[in-house]
PDB file of N, CA and C in Angstrom:
ATOM      1  N   MET A   1      11.066 -45.039  71.237  1.00  0.00           N
ATOM      2  CA  MET A   1      12.455 -45.426  71.047  1.00  0.00           C
ATOM      3  C   MET A   1      12.840 -46.384  72.172  1.00  0.00           C
ATOM      4  N   ASN A   2      13.382 -47.525  71.802  1.00  0.00           N
ATOM      5  CA  ASN A   2      13.743 -48.501  72.832  1.00  0.00           C
ATOM      6  C   ASN A   2      15.115 -48.183  73.442  1.00  0.00           C
ATOM      7  N   GLU A   3      15.467 -48.944  74.461  1.00  0.00           N
ATOM      8  CA  GLU A   3      16.697 -48.689  75.213  1.00  0.00           C
ATOM      9  C   GLU A   3      17.938 -48.796  74.331  1.00  0.00           C
ATOM     10  N   MET A   4      17.963 -49.802  73.451  1.00  0.00           N
ATOM     11  CA  MET A   4      19.108 -49.993  72.565  1.00  0.00           C
ATOM     12  C   MET A   4      19.269 -48.781  71.646  1.00  0.00           C
ATOM     13  N   THR A   5      18.171 -48.320  71.086  1.00  0.00           N
ATOM     14  CA  THR A   5      18.220 -47.166  70.191  1.00  0.00           C
ATOM     15  C   THR A   5      18.690 -45.931  70.944  1.00  0.00           C
ATOM     16  N   GLN A   6      18.227 -45.759  72.167  1.00  0.00           N
ATOM     17  CA  GLN A   6      18.648 -44.612  72.978  1.00  0.00           C
ATOM     18  C   GLN A   6      20.152 -44.636  73.233  1.00  0.00           C
ATOM     19  N   ARG A   7      20.674 -45.821  73.550  1.00  0.00           N
ATOM     20  CA  ARG A   7      22.119 -45.943  73.799  1.00  0.00           C
ATOM     21  C   ARG A   7      22.913 -45.611  72.542  1.00  0.00           C
ATOM     22  N   LEU A   8      22.462 -46.156  71.405  1.00  0.00           N
ATOM     23  CA  LEU A   8      23.160 -45.898  70.142  1.00  0.00           C
ATOM     24  C   LEU A   8      23.100 -44.418  69.767  1.00  0.00           C
ATOM     25  N   GLU A   9      21.931 -43.814  69.931  1.00  0.00           N
ATOM     26  CA  GLU A   9      21.792 -42.381  69.645  1.00  0.00           C
ATOM     27  C   GLU A   9      22.676 -41.566  70.593  1.00  0.00           C
ATOM     28  N   GLY A  10      22.825 -42.026  71.833  1.00  0.00           N
ATOM     29  CA  GLY A  10      23.700 -41.365  72.792  1.00  0.00           C
ATOM     30  C   GLY A  10      25.154 -41.400  72.350  1.00  0.00           C
ATOM     31  N   LEU A  11      25.580 -42.543  71.822  1.00  0.00           N
ATOM     32  CA  LEU A  11      26.949 -42.647  71.305  1.00  0.00           C
ATOM     33  C   LEU A  11      27.155 -41.668  70.158  1.00  0.00           C
ATOM     34  N   LEU A  12      26.164 -41.608  69.276  1.00  0.00           N
ATOM     35  CA  LEU A  12      26.265 -40.694  68.143  1.00  0.00           C
ATOM     36  C   LEU A  12      26.326 -39.242  68.620  1.00  0.00           C
ATOM     37  N   ALA A  13      25.473 -38.906  69.569  1.00  0.00           N
ATOM     38  CA  ALA A  13      25.434 -37.535  70.108  1.00  0.00           C
ATOM     39  C   ALA A  13      26.737 -37.150  70.804  1.00  0.00           C
ATOM     40  N   SER A  14      27.448 -38.159  71.338  1.00  0.00           N
ATOM     41  CA  SER A  14      28.706 -37.872  72.028  1.00  0.00           C
ATOM     42  C   SER A  14      29.875 -37.719  71.052  1.00  0.00           C
ATOM     43  N   GLY A  15      29.597 -37.849  69.751  1.00  0.00           N
ATOM     44  CA  GLY A  15      30.632 -37.643  68.748  1.00  0.00           C
ATOM     45  C   GLY A  15      31.298 -38.900  68.248  1.00  0.00           C
ATOM     46  N   LYS A  16      30.781 -40.043  68.604  1.00  0.00           N
ATOM     47  CA  LYS A  16      31.390 -41.311  68.189  1.00  0.00           C
ATOM     48  C   LYS A  16      30.783 -41.819  66.877  1.00  0.00           C
ATOM     49  N   ASP A  17      30.773 -40.988  65.864  1.00  0.00           N
ATOM     50  CA  ASP A  17      30.189 -41.333  64.577  1.00  0.00           C
ATOM     51  C   ASP A  17      31.082 -42.315  63.828  1.00  0.00           C
ATOM     52  N   SER A  18      30.480 -43.359  63.265  1.00  0.00           N
ATOM     53  CA  SER A  18      31.210 -44.322  62.448  1.00  0.00           C
ATOM     54  C   SER A  18      30.219 -45.049  61.549  1.00  0.00           C
ATOM     55  N   ALA A  19      30.741 -45.683  60.509  1.00  0.00           N
ATOM     56  CA  ALA A  19      29.883 -46.448  59.609  1.00  0.00           C
ATOM     57  C   ALA A  19      29.187 -47.580  60.363  1.00  0.00           C
ATOM     58  N   LEU A  20      29.903 -48.245  61.254  1.00  0.00           N
ATOM     59  CA  LEU A  20      29.312 -49.343  62.018  1.00  0.00           C
ATOM     60  C   LEU A  20      28.172 -48.844  62.903  1.00  0.00           C
ATOM     61  N   LEU A  21      28.383 -47.739  63.594  1.00  0.00           N
ATOM     62  CA  LEU A  21      27.333 -47.183  64.450  1.00  0.00           C
ATOM     63  C   LEU A  21      26.124 -46.783  63.617  1.00  0.00           C
ATOM     64  N   ARG A  22      26.354 -46.108  62.500  1.00  0.00           N
ATOM     65  CA  ARG A  22      25.243 -45.686  61.642  1.00  0.00           C
ATOM     66  C   ARG A  22      24.492 -46.887  61.066  1.00  0.00           C
ATOM     67  N   CYS A  23      25.234 -47.927  60.700  1.00  0.00           N
ATOM     68  CA  CYS A  23      24.599 -49.126  60.161  1.00  0.00           C
ATOM     69  C   CYS A  23      23.747 -49.811  61.232  1.00  0.00           C
ATOM     70  N   THR A  24      24.276 -49.896  62.430  1.00  0.00           N
ATOM     71  CA  THR A  24      23.543 -50.507  63.539  1.00  0.00           C
ATOM     72  C   THR A  24      22.292 -49.706  63.865  1.00  0.00           C
ATOM     73  N   LEU A  25      22.409 -48.377  63.877  1.00  0.00           N
ATOM     74  CA  LEU A  25      21.239 -47.528  64.099  1.00  0.00           C
ATOM     75  C   LEU A  25      20.208 -47.740  62.989  1.00  0.00           C
ATOM     76  N   GLY A  26      20.670 -47.784  61.750  1.00  0.00           N
ATOM     77  CA  GLY A  26      19.755 -48.004  60.631  1.00  0.00           C
ATOM     78  C   GLY A  26      19.023 -49.323  60.743  1.00  0.00           C
ATOM     79  N   LYS A  27      19.747 -50.368  61.100  1.00  0.00           N
ATOM     80  CA  LYS A  27      19.132 -51.690  61.266  1.00  0.00           C
ATOM     81  C   LYS A  27      18.093 -51.660  62.385  1.00  0.00           C
ATOM     82  N   THR A  28      18.432 -50.994  63.474  1.00  0.00           N
ATOM     83  CA  THR A  28      17.520 -50.899  64.612  1.00  0.00           C
ATOM     84  C   THR A  28      16.246 -50.153  64.226  1.00  0.00           C
ATOM     85  N   TYR A  29      16.405 -49.054  63.519  1.00  0.00           N
ATOM     86  CA  TYR A  29      15.219 -48.299  63.090  1.00  0.00           C
ATOM     87  C   TYR A  29      14.389 -49.089  62.071  1.00  0.00           C
ATOM     88  N   LEU A  30      15.035 -49.847  61.206  1.00  0.00           N
ATOM     89  CA  LEU A  30      14.279 -50.702  60.279  1.00  0.00           C
ATOM     90  C   LEU A  30      13.448 -51.721  61.061  1.00  0.00           C
ATOM     91  N   GLU A  31      14.067 -52.329  62.052  1.00  0.00           N
ATOM     92  CA  GLU A  31      13.370 -53.326  62.868  1.00  0.00           C
ATOM     93  C   GLU A  31      12.206 -52.705  63.636  1.00  0.00           C
ATOM     94  N   ASN A  32      12.300 -51.403  63.928  1.00  0.00           N
ATOM     95  CA  ASN A  32      11.237 -50.697  64.647  1.00  0.00           C
ATOM     96  C   ASN A  32      10.304 -49.940  63.703  1.00  0.00           C
ATOM     97  N   GLU A  33      10.337 -50.334  62.434  1.00  0.00           N
ATOM     98  CA  GLU A  33       9.433 -49.792  61.417  1.00  0.00           C
ATOM     99  C   GLU A  33       9.509 -48.271  61.289  1.00  0.00           C
ATOM    100  N   ALA A  34      10.730 -47.776  61.243  1.00  0.00           N
ATOM    101  CA  ALA A  34      10.968 -46.352  61.011  1.00  0.00           C
ATOM    102  C   ALA A  34      11.950 -46.219  59.833  1.00  0.00           C
ATOM    103  N   PRO A  35      11.492 -46.575  58.610  1.00  0.00           N
ATOM    104  CA  PRO A  35      12.418 -46.599  57.474  1.00  0.00           C
ATOM    105  C   PRO A  35      12.987 -45.235  57.098  1.00  0.00           C
ATOM    106  N   GLY A  36      12.273 -44.162  57.380  1.00  0.00           N
ATOM    107  CA  GLY A  36      12.792 -42.833  57.058  1.00  0.00           C
ATOM    108  C   GLY A  36      14.024 -42.494  57.875  1.00  0.00           C
ATOM    109  N   VAL A  37      13.955 -42.763  59.168  1.00  0.00           N
ATOM    110  CA  VAL A  37      15.102 -42.517  60.050  1.00  0.00           C
ATOM    111  C   VAL A  37      16.221 -43.494  59.700  1.00  0.00           C
ATOM    112  N   ALA A  38      15.854 -44.751  59.437  1.00  0.00           N
ATOM    113  CA  ALA A  38      16.846 -45.759  59.048  1.00  0.00           C
ATOM    114  C   ALA A  38      17.594 -45.303  57.800  1.00  0.00           C
ATOM    115  N   HIS A  39      16.843 -44.791  56.836  1.00  0.00           N
ATOM    116  CA  HIS A  39      17.441 -44.348  55.580  1.00  0.00           C
ATOM    117  C   HIS A  39      18.543 -43.317  55.814  1.00  0.00           C
ATOM    118  N   SER A  40      18.279 -42.327  56.648  1.00  0.00           N
ATOM    119  CA  SER A  40      19.287 -41.278  56.854  1.00  0.00           C
ATOM    120  C   SER A  40      20.555 -41.843  57.499  1.00  0.00           C
ATOM    121  N   HIS A  41      20.404 -42.751  58.451  1.00  0.00           N
ATOM    122  CA  HIS A  41      21.590 -43.349  59.094  1.00  0.00           C
ATOM    123  C   HIS A  41      22.346 -44.255  58.115  1.00  0.00           C
ATOM    124  N   LEU A  42      21.609 -45.020  57.333  1.00  0.00           N
ATOM    125  CA  LEU A  42      22.262 -45.954  56.404  1.00  0.00           C
ATOM    126  C   LEU A  42      22.935 -45.216  55.255  1.00  0.00           C
ATOM    127  N   GLU A  43      22.331 -44.141  54.806  1.00  0.00           N
ATOM    128  CA  GLU A  43      22.974 -43.334  53.766  1.00  0.00           C
ATOM    129  C   GLU A  43      24.295 -42.764  54.289  1.00  0.00           C
ATOM    130  N   ARG A  44      24.275 -42.300  55.526  1.00  0.00           N
ATOM    131  CA  ARG A  44      25.505 -41.768  56.128  1.00  0.00           C
ATOM    132  C   ARG A  44      26.548 -42.870  56.285  1.00  0.00           C
ATOM    133  N   ALA A  45      26.105 -44.081  56.646  1.00  0.00           N
ATOM    134  CA  ALA A  45      27.045 -45.209  56.781  1.00  0.00           C
ATOM    135  C   ALA A  45      27.753 -45.480  55.457  1.00  0.00           C
ATOM    136  N   THR A  46      27.004 -45.420  54.343  1.00  0.00           N
ATOM    137  CA  THR A  46      27.629 -45.678  53.037  1.00  0.00           C
ATOM    138  C   THR A  46      28.532 -44.531  52.607  1.00  0.00           C
ATOM    139  N   GLU A  47      28.262 -43.324  53.102  1.00  0.00           N
ATOM    140  CA  GLU A  47      29.170 -42.191  52.833  1.00  0.00           C
ATOM    141  C   GLU A  47      30.480 -42.368  53.611  1.00  0.00           C
ATOM    142  N   LEU A  48      30.361 -42.808  54.864  1.00  0.00           N
ATOM    143  CA  LEU A  48      31.543 -42.996  55.706  1.00  0.00           C
ATOM    144  C   LEU A  48      32.402 -44.166  55.236  1.00  0.00           C
ATOM    145  N   ASP A  49      31.754 -45.214  54.712  1.00  0.00           N
ATOM    146  CA  ASP A  49      32.477 -46.394  54.216  1.00  0.00           C
ATOM    147  C   ASP A  49      31.763 -46.909  52.966  1.00  0.00           C
ATOM    148  N   PRO A  50      32.147 -46.410  51.794  1.00  0.00           N
ATOM    149  CA  PRO A  50      31.463 -46.807  50.553  1.00  0.00           C
ATOM    150  C   PRO A  50      31.574 -48.298  50.224  1.00  0.00           C
ATOM    151  N   GLY A  51      32.469 -49.014  50.874  1.00  0.00           N
ATOM    152  CA  GLY A  51      32.626 -50.438  50.631  1.00  0.00           C
ATOM    153  C   GLY A  51      31.896 -51.325  51.623  1.00  0.00           C
ATOM    154  N   TYR A  52      31.056 -50.741  52.458  1.00  0.00           N
ATOM    155  CA  TYR A  52      30.357 -51.463  53.530  1.00  0.00           C
ATOM    156  C   TYR A  52      29.102 -52.117  52.950  1.00  0.00           C
ATOM    157  N   SER A  53      29.237 -53.342  52.496  1.00  0.00           N
ATOM    158  CA  SER A  53      28.160 -54.022  51.772  1.00  0.00           C
ATOM    159  C   SER A  53      26.903 -54.221  52.615  1.00  0.00           C
ATOM    160  N   VAL A  54      27.041 -54.469  53.900  1.00  0.00           N
ATOM    161  CA  VAL A  54      25.869 -54.660  54.766  1.00  0.00           C
ATOM    162  C   VAL A  54      25.060 -53.364  54.846  1.00  0.00           C
ATOM    163  N   ALA A  55      25.745 -52.227  54.902  1.00  0.00           N
ATOM    164  CA  ALA A  55      25.035 -50.943  54.934  1.00  0.00           C
ATOM    165  C   ALA A  55      24.260 -50.734  53.639  1.00  0.00           C
ATOM    166  N   TRP A  56      24.846 -51.094  52.512  1.00  0.00           N
ATOM    167  CA  TRP A  56      24.139 -50.982  51.226  1.00  0.00           C
ATOM    168  C   TRP A  56      22.924 -51.903  51.196  1.00  0.00           C
ATOM    169  N   LYS A  57      23.089 -53.107  51.732  1.00  0.00           N
ATOM    170  CA  LYS A  57      21.971 -54.062  51.775  1.00  0.00           C
ATOM    171  C   LYS A  57      20.811 -53.477  52.574  1.00  0.00           C
ATOM    172  N   LEU A  58      21.114 -52.949  53.749  1.00  0.00           N
ATOM    173  CA  LEU A  58      20.072 -52.382  54.612  1.00  0.00           C
ATOM    174  C   LEU A  58      19.499 -51.096  54.024  1.00  0.00           C
ATOM    175  N   LEU A  59      20.331 -50.303  53.368  1.00  0.00           N
ATOM    176  CA  LEU A  59      19.843 -49.091  52.709  1.00  0.00           C
ATOM    177  C   LEU A  59      18.814 -49.461  51.647  1.00  0.00           C
ATOM    178  N   GLY A  60      19.075 -50.505  50.907  1.00  0.00           N
ATOM    179  CA  GLY A  60      18.108 -50.974  49.917  1.00  0.00           C
ATOM    180  C   GLY A  60      16.785 -51.348  50.557  1.00  0.00           C
ATOM    181  N   ARG A  61      16.834 -52.019  51.684  1.00  0.00           N
ATOM    182  CA  ARG A  61      15.598 -52.382  52.394  1.00  0.00           C
ATOM    183  C   ARG A  61      14.836 -51.136  52.838  1.00  0.00           C
ATOM    184  N   ALA A  62      15.564 -50.141  53.352  1.00  0.00           N
ATOM    185  CA  ALA A  62      14.915 -48.900  53.794  1.00  0.00           C
ATOM    186  C   ALA A  62      14.275 -48.187  52.614  1.00  0.00           C
ATOM    187  N   LEU A  63      14.988 -48.102  51.509  1.00  0.00           N
ATOM    188  CA  LEU A  63      14.451 -47.433  50.324  1.00  0.00           C
ATOM    189  C   LEU A  63      13.206 -48.149  49.803  1.00  0.00           C
ATOM    190  N   LEU A  64      13.238 -49.471  49.791  1.00  0.00           N
ATOM    191  CA  LEU A  64      12.068 -50.229  49.340  1.00  0.00           C
ATOM    192  C   LEU A  64      10.882 -49.978  50.265  1.00  0.00           C
ATOM    193  N   ALA A  65      11.136 -49.939  51.567  1.00  0.00           N
ATOM    194  CA  ALA A  65      10.069 -49.662  52.536  1.00  0.00           C
ATOM    195  C   ALA A  65       9.489 -48.267  52.342  1.00  0.00           C
ATOM    196  N   LEU A  66      10.297 -47.361  51.803  1.00  0.00           N
ATOM    197  CA  LEU A  66       9.840 -45.994  51.541  1.00  0.00           C
ATOM    198  C   LEU A  66       9.200 -45.858  50.160  1.00  0.00           C
ATOM    199  N   GLY A  67       9.120 -46.973  49.430  1.00  0.00           N
ATOM    200  CA  GLY A  67       8.475 -46.962  48.126  1.00  0.00           C
ATOM    201  C   GLY A  67       9.391 -46.616  46.969  1.00  0.00           C
ATOM    202  N   ASP A  68      10.691 -46.593  47.192  1.00  0.00           N
ATOM    203  CA  ASP A  68      11.657 -46.256  46.147  1.00  0.00           C
ATOM    204  C   ASP A  68      12.335 -47.529  45.642  1.00  0.00           C
ATOM    205  N   ALA A  69      11.633 -48.256  44.768  1.00  0.00           N
ATOM    206  CA  ALA A  69      12.160 -49.520  44.251  1.00  0.00           C
ATOM    207  C   ALA A  69      13.419 -49.301  43.408  1.00  0.00           C
ATOM    208  N   ALA A  70      13.445 -48.237  42.623  1.00  0.00           N
ATOM    209  CA  ALA A  70      14.625 -47.961  41.795  1.00  0.00           C
ATOM    210  C   ALA A  70      15.836 -47.648  42.678  1.00  0.00           C
ATOM    211  N   GLY A  71      15.619 -46.879  43.733  1.00  0.00           N
ATOM    212  CA  GLY A  71      16.699 -46.577  44.666  1.00  0.00           C
ATOM    213  C   GLY A  71      17.187 -47.821  45.375  1.00  0.00           C
ATOM    214  N   ALA A  72      16.248 -48.692  45.743  1.00  0.00           N
ATOM    215  CA  ALA A  72      16.614 -49.952  46.394  1.00  0.00           C
ATOM    216  C   ALA A  72      17.480 -50.785  45.462  1.00  0.00           C
ATOM    217  N   ARG A  73      17.088 -50.858  44.200  1.00  0.00           N
ATOM    218  CA  ARG A  73      17.873 -51.636  43.222  1.00  0.00           C
ATOM    219  C   ARG A  73      19.285 -51.058  43.096  1.00  0.00           C
ATOM    220  N   ARG A  74      19.400 -49.740  43.033  1.00  0.00           N
ATOM    221  CA  ARG A  74      20.737 -49.114  42.928  1.00  0.00           C
ATOM    222  C   ARG A  74      21.585 -49.443  44.160  1.00  0.00           C
ATOM    223  N   ALA A  75      20.977 -49.329  45.339  1.00  0.00           N
ATOM    224  CA  ALA A  75      21.717 -49.630  46.573  1.00  0.00           C
ATOM    225  C   ALA A  75      22.156 -51.090  46.593  1.00  0.00           C
ATOM    226  N   TRP A  76      21.242 -51.975  46.224  1.00  0.00           N
ATOM    227  CA  TRP A  76      21.586 -53.404  46.244  1.00  0.00           C
ATOM    228  C   TRP A  76      22.642 -53.745  45.208  1.00  0.00           C
ATOM    229  N   ASN A  77      22.582 -53.131  44.035  1.00  0.00           N
ATOM    230  CA  ASN A  77      23.612 -53.394  43.025  1.00  0.00           C
ATOM    231  C   ASN A  77      24.977 -52.917  43.501  1.00  0.00           C
ATOM    232  N   THR A  78      25.012 -51.772  44.163  1.00  0.00           N
ATOM    233  CA  THR A  78      26.272 -51.281  44.719  1.00  0.00           C
ATOM    234  C   THR A  78      26.763 -52.224  45.817  1.00  0.00           C
ATOM    235  N   GLY A  79      25.852 -52.618  46.705  1.00  0.00           N
ATOM    236  CA  GLY A  79      26.210 -53.540  47.786  1.00  0.00           C
ATOM    237  C   GLY A  79      26.681 -54.884  47.265  1.00  0.00           C
ATOM    238  N   LEU A  80      26.041 -55.355  46.204  1.00  0.00           N
ATOM    239  CA  LEU A  80      26.426 -56.626  45.597  1.00  0.00           C
ATOM    240  C   LEU A  80      27.861 -56.548  45.076  1.00  0.00           C
ATOM    241  N   ALA A  81      28.184 -55.460  44.398  1.00  0.00           N
ATOM    242  CA  ALA A  81      29.544 -55.285  43.879  1.00  0.00           C
ATOM    243  C   ALA A  81      30.562 -55.229  45.024  1.00  0.00           C
ATOM    244  N   CYS A  82      30.222 -54.518  46.088  1.00  0.00           N
ATOM    245  CA  CYS A  82      31.119 -54.438  47.254  1.00  0.00           C
ATOM    246  C   CYS A  82      31.317 -55.806  47.886  1.00  0.00           C
ATOM    247  N   ALA A  83      30.224 -56.538  48.061  1.00  0.00           N
ATOM    248  CA  ALA A  83      30.299 -57.857  48.694  1.00  0.00           C
ATOM    249  C   ALA A  83      31.105 -58.832  47.837  1.00  0.00           C
ATOM    250  N   GLN A  84      30.905 -58.768  46.515  1.00  0.00           N
ATOM    251  CA  GLN A  84      31.665 -59.651  45.625  1.00  0.00           C
ATOM    252  C   GLN A  84      33.151 -59.324  45.690  1.00  0.00           C
ATOM    253  N   GLN A  85      33.473 -58.037  45.742  1.00  0.00           N
ATOM    254  CA  GLN A  85      34.875 -57.622  45.810  1.00  0.00           C
ATOM    255  C   GLN A  85      35.536 -58.109  47.098  1.00  0.00           C
ATOM    256  N   LYS A  86      34.778 -58.083  48.206  1.00  0.00           N
ATOM    257  CA  LYS A  86      35.314 -58.513  49.499  1.00  0.00           C
ATOM    258  C   LYS A  86      35.255 -60.026  49.689  1.00  0.00           C
ATOM    259  N   GLY A  87      34.503 -60.714  48.841  1.00  0.00           N
ATOM    260  CA  GLY A  87      34.315 -62.147  49.006  1.00  0.00           C
ATOM    261  C   GLY A  87      33.328 -62.486  50.106  1.00  0.00           C
ATOM    262  N   ASP A  88      32.378 -61.597  50.356  1.00  0.00           N
ATOM    263  CA  ASP A  88      31.365 -61.801  51.399  1.00  0.00           C
ATOM    264  C   ASP A  88      30.181 -62.567  50.806  1.00  0.00           C
ATOM    265  N   ALA A  89      30.298 -63.882  50.790  1.00  0.00           N
ATOM    266  CA  ALA A  89      29.318 -64.733  50.127  1.00  0.00           C
ATOM    267  C   ALA A  89      27.914 -64.605  50.727  1.00  0.00           C
ATOM    268  N   GLN A  90      27.816 -64.411  52.023  1.00  0.00           N
ATOM    269  CA  GLN A  90      26.499 -64.318  52.654  1.00  0.00           C
ATOM    270  C   GLN A  90      25.744 -63.079  52.169  1.00  0.00           C
ATOM    271  N   VAL A  91      26.411 -61.955  52.108  1.00  0.00           N
ATOM    272  CA  VAL A  91      25.753 -60.725  51.647  1.00  0.00           C
ATOM    273  C   VAL A  91      25.429 -60.841  50.155  1.00  0.00           C
ATOM    274  N   VAL A  92      26.314 -61.458  49.379  1.00  0.00           N
ATOM    275  CA  VAL A  92      26.034 -61.689  47.956  1.00  0.00           C
ATOM    276  C   VAL A  92      24.743 -62.484  47.810  1.00  0.00           C
ATOM    277  N   LYS A  93      24.613 -63.526  48.608  1.00  0.00           N
ATOM    278  CA  LYS A  93      23.419 -64.380  48.545  1.00  0.00           C
ATOM    279  C   LYS A  93      22.166 -63.595  48.954  1.00  0.00           C
ATOM    280  N   GLU A  94      22.237 -62.860  50.054  1.00  0.00           N
ATOM    281  CA  GLU A  94      21.073 -62.111  50.542  1.00  0.00           C
ATOM    282  C   GLU A  94      20.624 -61.055  49.536  1.00  0.00           C
ATOM    283  N   ILE A  95      21.565 -60.288  49.009  1.00  0.00           N
ATOM    284  CA  ILE A  95      21.207 -59.253  48.044  1.00  0.00           C
ATOM    285  C   ILE A  95      20.649 -59.893  46.775  1.00  0.00           C
ATOM    286  N   GLY A  96      21.207 -61.020  46.376  1.00  0.00           N
ATOM    287  CA  GLY A  96      20.674 -61.737  45.214  1.00  0.00           C
ATOM    288  C   GLY A  96      19.210 -62.093  45.402  1.00  0.00           C
ATOM    289  N   VAL A  97      18.862 -62.538  46.599  1.00  0.00           N
ATOM    290  CA  VAL A  97      17.462 -62.867  46.911  1.00  0.00           C
ATOM    291  C   VAL A  97      16.599 -61.611  46.843  1.00  0.00           C
ATOM    292  N   PHE A  98      17.076 -60.504  47.420  1.00  0.00           N
ATOM    293  CA  PHE A  98      16.311 -59.250  47.394  1.00  0.00           C
ATOM    294  C   PHE A  98      16.067 -58.784  45.962  1.00  0.00           C
ATOM    295  N   LEU A  99      17.093 -58.872  45.114  1.00  0.00           N
ATOM    296  CA  LEU A  99      16.949 -58.441  43.727  1.00  0.00           C
ATOM    297  C   LEU A  99      15.967 -59.331  42.959  1.00  0.00           C
ATOM    298  N   LYS A 100      16.005 -60.636  43.212  1.00  0.00           N
ATOM    299  CA  LYS A 100      15.055 -61.541  42.550  1.00  0.00           C
ATOM    300  C   LYS A 100      13.626 -61.235  42.973  1.00  0.00           C
ATOM    301  N   ARG A 101      13.417 -60.971  44.265  1.00  0.00           N
ATOM    302  CA  ARG A 101      12.081 -60.603  44.743  1.00  0.00           C
ATOM    303  C   ARG A 101      11.599 -59.320  44.087  1.00  0.00           C
ATOM    304  N   LEU A 102      12.503 -58.360  43.990  1.00  0.00           N
ATOM    305  CA  LEU A 102      12.153 -57.086  43.376  1.00  0.00           C
ATOM    306  C   LEU A 102      11.789 -57.290  41.909  1.00  0.00           C
ATOM    307  N   ASP A 103      12.539 -58.128  41.209  1.00  0.00           N
ATOM    308  CA  ASP A 103      12.223 -58.422  39.814  1.00  0.00           C
ATOM    309  C   ASP A 103      10.840 -59.048  39.691  1.00  0.00           C
ATOM    310  N   ARG A 104      10.510 -59.986  40.592  1.00  0.00           N
ATOM    311  CA  ARG A 104       9.181 -60.632  40.546  1.00  0.00           C
ATOM    312  C   ARG A 104       8.079 -59.631  40.819  1.00  0.00           C
ATOM    313  N   GLN A 105       8.299 -58.747  41.793  1.00  0.00           N
ATOM    314  CA  GLN A 105       7.280 -57.728  42.126  1.00  0.00           C
ATOM    315  C   GLN A 105       7.053 -56.781  40.954  1.00  0.00           C
ATOM    316  N   GLN A 106       8.106 -56.416  40.272  1.00  0.00           N
ATOM    317  CA  GLN A 106       7.984 -55.462  39.173  1.00  0.00           C
ATOM    318  C   GLN A 106       7.460 -56.110  37.906  1.00  0.00           C
ATOM    319  N   ALA A 107       7.524 -57.437  37.822  1.00  0.00           N
ATOM    320  CA  ALA A 107       7.008 -58.148  36.646  1.00  0.00           C
ATOM    321  C   ALA A 107       5.501 -58.293  36.697  1.00  0.00           C
ATOM    322  N   VAL A 108       4.920 -58.092  37.867  1.00  0.00           N
ATOM    323  CA  VAL A 108       3.462 -58.274  38.037  1.00  0.00           C
ATOM    324  C   VAL A 108       2.701 -57.117  37.476  1.00  0.00           C
TER     325      VAL A 108
END
């Protein structure tokens, strides 16, 4: 566990739970190739803020890394709807790319 992850986990342990903290932890664990731990934090982030499109995007990545393509698609579709509702064009674009890649992988 790197220093950044330790600090974030410390904030969580001190009771400062939030969707942003959980999303940041999930992203950090994804970057450190720990998709299982990332998944639990990102799932909690989407529970705390169901409209948090970035958390849905990252949750989809974690699920795909865990071999759950159907779960990844569900997360990305939810995130896409959230991003479209908020007008978050960047997340709409990123999730669109992820879904197209998933479609190509499943067509093979």
